[in-house]
């Protein structure tokens, strides 16, 4: 942001963003489990709790990425996001 620009906030988007994040956090493992269950693959050793944990741990890379995205450099932000995607 340039100094002359004003930053305008829209807090009505927080609910939609939280729904998308937590929905995908639960929805992706549930969809994977349902896919495995309905295609007849063995789910005897894998339960939904394990899938939720593995998927949740795969997203831990985005904690340092979100801290790096505070930096004002656009190129650093892109490198951090792409690095987080690669590691996750």
Protein backbone atom coordinates (compact mmCIF):
# COMPACT_ATOMS: atom_id res chain seq x y z
CA UNK A 1 0.00 0.00 0.00
CA UNK A 2 1.18 3.43 -0.80
CA UNK A 3 1.01 6.00 1.94
CA UNK A 4 -1.67 7.97 0.11
CA UNK A 5 -4.01 4.96 -0.16
CA UNK A 6 -6.59 4.31 2.51
CA UNK A 7 -7.29 0.80 3.67
CA UNK A 8 -10.99 -0.03 3.89
CA UNK A 9 -12.12 -3.00 5.97
CA UNK A 10 -15.17 -5.15 5.41
CA UNK A 11 -15.86 -7.27 8.47
CA UNK A 12 -18.90 -8.87 6.87
CA UNK A 13 -16.51 -11.14 4.96
CA UNK A 14 -15.07 -12.67 8.15
CA UNK A 15 -18.00 -15.06 8.53
CA UNK A 16 -17.73 -16.26 4.94
CA UNK A 17 -13.96 -16.69 5.24
CA UNK A 18 -14.22 -18.65 8.50
CA UNK A 19 -16.94 -20.85 7.01
CA UNK A 20 -14.79 -21.60 3.98
CA UNK A 21 -11.68 -22.38 6.05
CA UNK A 22 -13.34 -24.56 8.67
CA UNK A 23 -15.68 -26.11 6.10
CA UNK A 24 -12.75 -27.24 4.00
CA UNK A 25 -10.89 -28.40 7.11
CA UNK A 26 -13.72 -30.82 7.88
CA UNK A 27 -15.18 -31.29 4.39
CA UNK A 28 -12.09 -32.59 2.60
CA UNK A 29 -11.39 -35.48 5.02
CA UNK A 30 -15.09 -36.38 5.20
CA UNK A 31 -15.31 -36.40 1.39
CA UNK A 32 -12.16 -38.55 1.17
CA UNK A 33 -13.54 -41.00 3.71
CA UNK A 34 -16.91 -41.15 1.93
CA UNK A 35 -15.17 -41.72 -1.40
CA UNK A 36 -13.12 -44.57 0.05
CA UNK A 37 -16.17 -46.07 1.75
CA UNK A 38 -18.45 -45.95 -1.30
CA UNK A 39 -15.86 -47.18 -3.79
CA UNK A 40 -15.30 -50.28 -1.71
CA UNK A 41 -11.73 -49.55 -0.65
CA UNK A 42 -10.68 -50.88 2.73
CA UNK A 43 -11.32 -48.36 5.49
CA UNK A 44 -10.74 -50.81 8.33
CA UNK A 45 -7.53 -49.17 9.55
CA UNK A 46 -8.46 -45.60 8.60
CA UNK A 47 -11.21 -43.81 10.44
CA UNK A 48 -12.47 -40.28 10.04
CA UNK A 49 -10.53 -39.12 13.11
CA UNK A 50 -7.21 -40.11 11.53
CA UNK A 51 -8.07 -38.37 8.28
CA UNK A 52 -8.99 -35.17 10.13
CA UNK A 53 -5.69 -35.25 12.04
CA UNK A 54 -3.54 -35.90 8.98
CA UNK A 55 -5.27 -33.18 6.96
CA UNK A 56 -5.02 -30.74 9.87
CA UNK A 57 -1.31 -31.40 10.31
CA UNK A 58 -0.74 -30.86 6.61
CA UNK A 59 -2.04 -27.31 7.04
CA UNK A 60 0.43 -26.35 9.81
CA UNK A 61 2.82 -24.95 7.18
CA UNK A 62 0.39 -22.11 6.66
CA UNK A 63 0.97 -20.72 10.17
CA UNK A 64 4.50 -19.41 9.39
CA UNK A 65 3.33 -18.53 5.87
CA UNK A 66 0.61 -16.29 7.27
CA UNK A 67 3.19 -14.55 9.47
CA UNK A 68 5.48 -14.01 6.47
CA UNK A 69 2.60 -12.54 4.48
CA UNK A 70 2.56 -9.56 6.84
CA UNK A 71 5.76 -8.35 5.17
CA UNK A 72 5.17 -5.49 2.73
CA UNK A 73 7.05 -7.22 -0.10
CA UNK A 74 4.72 -8.77 -2.66
CA UNK A 75 7.41 -11.09 -3.99
CA UNK A 76 8.15 -12.40 -0.47
CA UNK A 77 4.45 -13.03 0.06
CA UNK A 78 4.20 -15.04 -3.16
CA UNK A 79 7.34 -17.03 -2.35
CA UNK A 80 5.97 -17.80 1.13
CA UNK A 81 2.58 -18.92 -0.20
CA UNK A 82 4.09 -21.08 -2.94
CA UNK A 83 6.54 -22.58 -0.44
CA UNK A 84 3.69 -23.36 1.94
CA UNK A 85 1.73 -25.01 -0.85
CA UNK A 86 4.75 -27.09 -1.83
CA UNK A 87 5.42 -28.22 1.74
CA UNK A 88 1.79 -28.97 2.50
